[in-house]
C-alpha cells in the first residue's frame, strides 16, 4: 500500500481559506480525549496539531484538496486520484466529506503504532469500499488497480487488466476459506495473521503517513 499523507504544502492555503469562508472554524476534541483515542503522547499530539493547523487552517480537509496534496508525493505520471479517494473515505470515518484532525490522527496512530491486527482491520476497511462488511473481487480489483496506477511508470513491465485479475484470483484462492465469493473480516484476519506474505501483498506493512 502506498504512503498516506495529508497536509504538506502551503500551496493549498488559498483553497483552504476559501473553504473557511463557507465553514465555521473546526475545533478538535481535547488533548485528553485524543490521548485516549490514540497512542500518541500529549507533546506529540500538540506538535501534530500545530502542523495540521499550519497547513490546514480551517481544521478540516475536503477530498479534492486531499487528492491535490497527495499527488505531490508520487512520481510524475502516476495516477493518484483513485487511490487517494479510497484512502480519504477510509480516514473519513463519519463520511462527512471533510477530514478532521481527530480522523487524521486516529488513522495515523493505527498505521504508525497500531498492532498488526489493528493495521489489518484498517486495511480491510480500505478494501471494503461500500462498507458492507465484505470484500468482493470487484472491490479488491478496484483497489489493486488503483495501487498500480499510483506506482505509475516505475512498474516494469506495465501492468494490464489481466495481471490485476490474476493477482486478485490468487488472493481469493488463499483467503476465501468457505468459497462463497466474498471475504469477511474474519477470513481476512485469519489469513493475514497466519501468512506474512499475504499481509505484505495486501500492503499492510507499507501503510504509513
Protein backbone atom coordinates (compact mmCIF):
# COMPACT_ATOMS: atom_id res chain seq x y z
CA UNK A 1 0.00 0.00 0.00
CA UNK A 2 1.21 3.48 -0.75
CA UNK A 3 2.06 6.01 1.93
CA UNK A 4 -0.83 8.05 3.27
CA UNK A 5 0.00 11.72 3.54
CA UNK A 6 -2.18 14.64 4.46
CA UNK A 7 -1.17 18.28 4.56
CA UNK A 8 2.29 19.03 3.32
CA UNK A 9 2.38 22.15 1.18
CA UNK A 10 1.19 25.69 1.74
CA UNK A 11 0.32 26.00 -1.93
CA UNK A 12 -3.17 24.89 -0.97
CA UNK A 13 -3.67 27.51 1.75
CA UNK A 14 -5.71 29.78 -0.52
CA UNK A 15 -8.13 26.97 -1.30
CA UNK A 16 -8.43 26.11 2.36
CA UNK A 17 -9.04 29.74 3.24
CA UNK A 18 -11.79 29.83 0.62
CA UNK A 19 -13.33 26.78 2.27
CA UNK A 20 -13.04 28.57 5.59
CA UNK A 21 -15.42 31.22 4.31
CA UNK A 22 -18.06 28.52 3.91
CA UNK A 23 -17.43 26.56 7.11
CA UNK A 24 -17.02 27.50 10.76
CA UNK A 25 -13.55 27.01 12.17
CA UNK A 26 -13.30 23.45 13.40
CA UNK A 27 -12.03 22.74 16.90
CA UNK A 28 -10.87 19.21 17.76
CA UNK A 29 -11.57 17.26 20.92
CA UNK A 30 -9.44 17.87 23.98
CA UNK A 31 -5.89 16.56 24.18
CA UNK A 32 -7.02 14.18 26.93
CA UNK A 33 -9.69 12.72 24.66
CA UNK A 34 -7.24 12.33 21.80
CA UNK A 35 -4.76 10.60 24.10
CA UNK A 36 -7.43 8.03 24.90
CA UNK A 37 -8.18 7.54 21.19
CA UNK A 38 -4.56 7.22 20.05
CA UNK A 39 -1.13 6.03 21.10
CA UNK A 40 0.40 9.50 20.98
CA UNK A 41 1.63 11.42 23.99
CA UNK A 42 0.37 14.90 24.81
CA UNK A 43 3.50 16.64 23.42
CA UNK A 44 3.26 14.57 20.23
CA UNK A 45 -0.41 15.45 19.77
CA UNK A 46 0.33 19.13 20.27
CA UNK A 47 3.09 19.01 17.65
CA UNK A 48 0.84 17.15 15.22
CA UNK A 49 -1.97 19.63 15.74
CA UNK A 50 0.29 22.63 15.21
CA UNK A 51 1.49 21.12 11.94
CA UNK A 52 -2.04 20.22 10.87
CA UNK A 53 -3.35 23.73 11.57
CA UNK A 54 -0.37 25.36 9.85
CA UNK A 55 -1.17 23.51 6.63
CA UNK A 56 -4.95 23.20 7.09
CA UNK A 57 -6.03 26.42 8.82
CA UNK A 58 -9.76 25.63 8.76
CA UNK A 59 -9.10 22.48 10.77
CA UNK A 60 -10.63 20.21 8.12
CA UNK A 61 -9.69 18.94 4.65
CA UNK A 62 -12.08 18.15 1.83
CA UNK A 63 -11.46 15.34 -0.64
CA UNK A 64 -10.38 17.37 -3.65
CA UNK A 65 -7.76 19.19 -1.58
CA UNK A 66 -6.60 15.88 -0.12
CA UNK A 67 -6.15 14.50 -3.64
CA UNK A 68 -4.14 17.50 -4.77
CA UNK A 69 -1.82 17.32 -1.78
CA UNK A 70 -1.50 13.56 -2.05
CA UNK A 71 -0.44 13.71 -5.70
CA UNK A 72 2.69 15.71 -4.85
CA UNK A 73 4.36 12.75 -3.18
CA UNK A 74 4.42 10.43 -6.18
CA UNK A 75 6.33 10.31 -9.49
CA UNK A 76 5.15 12.42 -12.37
CA UNK A 77 2.75 10.41 -14.48
CA UNK A 78 1.35 8.48 -11.54
CA UNK A 79 -2.43 8.47 -11.33
CA UNK A 80 -3.07 9.09 -7.64
CA UNK A 81 -6.67 10.28 -7.73
CA UNK A 82 -8.48 6.97 -7.33
CA UNK A 83 -6.29 5.59 -4.57
CA UNK A 84 -6.40 8.92 -2.72
CA UNK A 85 -10.20 8.74 -2.95
CA UNK A 86 -10.24 5.34 -1.23
CA UNK A 87 -7.77 6.46 1.44
CA UNK A 88 -9.80 9.59 2.13
CA UNK A 89 -13.01 7.59 2.51
CA UNK A 90 -11.32 5.19 4.94
CA UNK A 91 -9.97 8.04 7.05
CA UNK A 92 -13.26 9.98 6.88
CA UNK A 93 -14.98 7.84 9.48
CA UNK A 94 -18.22 9.82 9.65
CA UNK A 95 -18.49 10.08 5.84
CA UNK A 96 -18.93 13.83 6.10
CA UNK A 97 -16.73 14.57 3.11
CA UNK A 98 -14.39 16.50 5.41
CA UNK A 99 -11.35 15.08 7.18
CA UNK A 100 -10.95 16.34 10.74
CA UNK A 101 -7.84 16.33 12.90
CA UNK A 102 -9.33 13.54 15.04
CA UNK A 103 -9.86 11.35 11.99
CA UNK A 104 -6.39 12.12 10.68
CA UNK A 105 -4.60 11.45 13.96
CA UNK A 106 -6.63 8.30 14.68
CA UNK A 107 -5.64 6.83 11.33
CA UNK A 108 -2.05 7.90 11.82
CA UNK A 109 -1.96 6.23 15.23
CA UNK A 110 -3.24 2.93 13.84
CA UNK A 111 -0.91 2.83 10.87
CA UNK A 112 2.20 4.03 12.66
CA UNK A 113 1.79 2.49 16.12
CA UNK A 114 -1.08 0.04 15.95
CA UNK A 115 -0.85 -3.69 16.39
CA UNK A 116 -0.75 -5.89 13.31
CA UNK A 117 -4.41 -6.74 13.82
CA UNK A 118 -5.36 -3.06 14.05
CA UNK A 119 -3.49 -2.35 10.82
CA UNK A 120 -5.21 -5.30 9.18
CA UNK A 121 -8.63 -4.05 10.27
CA UNK A 122 -7.84 -0.64 8.77
CA UNK A 123 -6.68 -2.28 5.55
CA UNK A 124 -9.88 -4.35 5.41
CA UNK A 125 -11.87 -1.12 5.65
CA UNK A 126 -9.88 0.31 2.75
CA UNK A 127 -10.70 -2.69 0.54
CA UNK A 128 -14.33 -2.85 1.70
CA UNK A 129 -15.25 0.10 -0.47
CA UNK A 130 -19.00 0.14 0.17
CA UNK A 131 -18.64 -0.61 3.88
CA UNK A 132 -20.96 -3.63 3.92
CA UNK A 133 -18.53 -5.82 5.86
CA UNK A 134 -17.34 -7.88 2.88
CA UNK A 135 -14.62 -7.56 0.26
CA UNK A 136 -15.75 -8.64 -3.19
CA UNK A 137 -13.49 -9.46 -6.11
CA UNK A 138 -14.69 -6.28 -7.76
CA UNK A 139 -13.68 -4.19 -4.75
CA UNK A 140 -10.28 -5.82 -4.49
CA UNK A 141 -9.77 -5.32 -8.22
CA UNK A 142 -10.52 -1.61 -7.86
CA UNK A 143 -8.02 -1.17 -5.02
CA UNK A 144 -5.28 -3.23 -6.66
CA UNK A 145 -5.76 -1.31 -9.92
CA UNK A 146 -5.56 1.98 -8.02
CA UNK A 147 -2.32 0.87 -6.35
CA UNK A 148 -0.74 0.01 -9.70
CA UNK A 149 -1.92 3.35 -11.12
CA UNK A 150 -0.29 5.02 -8.13
CA UNK A 151 3.05 3.42 -8.99
CA UNK A 152 2.90 4.95 -12.46
CA UNK A 153 5.81 4.44 -14.80
CA UNK A 154 8.03 2.76 -12.21
CA UNK A 155 6.23 -0.56 -12.79
CA UNK A 156 8.03 -2.59 -15.42
CA UNK A 157 6.56 -4.15 -17.41
CA UNK A 158 3.38 -2.11 -17.41
CA UNK A 159 0.54 -3.86 -15.60
CA UNK A 160 -2.59 -4.68 -17.57
CA UNK A 161 -6.06 -5.83 -16.52
CA UNK A 162 -5.14 -9.49 -16.84
CA UNK A 163 -2.28 -9.15 -14.35
CA UNK A 164 -4.62 -7.48 -11.87
CA UNK A 165 -7.27 -10.19 -12.32
CA UNK A 166 -4.68 -12.93 -11.77
CA UNK A 167 -3.46 -11.27 -8.57
CA UNK A 168 -7.00 -10.94 -7.23
CA UNK A 169 -7.81 -14.56 -8.11
CA UNK A 170 -4.70 -15.82 -6.32
CA UNK A 171 -5.53 -13.81 -3.21
CA UNK A 172 -9.11 -15.04 -3.16
CA UNK A 173 -7.99 -18.65 -3.55
CA UNK A 174 -5.93 -18.27 -0.38
CA UNK A 175 -8.30 -16.10 1.63
CA UNK A 176 -11.86 -17.09 0.69
CA UNK A 177 -11.96 -20.08 3.01
CA UNK A 178 -15.63 -21.00 2.51
CA UNK A 179 -15.55 -20.29 -1.23
CA UNK A 180 -18.60 -18.02 -1.17
CA UNK A 181 -17.01 -15.40 -3.41
CA UNK A 182 -16.52 -12.70 -0.75
CA UNK A 183 -14.06 -12.11 2.08
CA UNK A 184 -15.26 -11.50 5.61
CA UNK A 185 -13.19 -9.67 8.21
CA UNK A 186 -12.53 -12.98 9.99
CA UNK A 187 -11.26 -14.63 6.80
CA UNK A 188 -9.11 -11.62 6.06
CA UNK A 189 -7.62 -11.53 9.56
CA UNK A 190 -7.08 -15.30 9.78
CA UNK A 191 -5.18 -15.48 6.51
CA UNK A 192 -3.11 -12.35 7.00
CA UNK A 193 -2.17 -13.17 10.60
CA UNK A 194 -1.03 -16.64 9.57
CA UNK A 195 0.79 -15.69 6.38
CA UNK A 196 3.13 -12.69 6.36
CA UNK A 197 3.42 -12.98 2.59
CA UNK A 198 -0.29 -12.29 2.19
CA UNK A 199 -0.06 -9.38 4.61
CA UNK A 200 2.72 -7.88 2.53
CA UNK A 201 0.80 -8.42 -0.70
CA UNK A 202 -2.15 -6.53 0.82
CA UNK A 203 0.16 -3.64 1.69
CA UNK A 204 -0.21 -3.93 5.46
CA UNK A 205 3.44 -3.36 6.31
CA UNK A 206 3.80 -0.40 3.98
CA UNK A 207 0.95 1.64 5.41
CA UNK A 208 2.19 4.95 6.76
CA UNK A 209 1.53 8.66 6.56
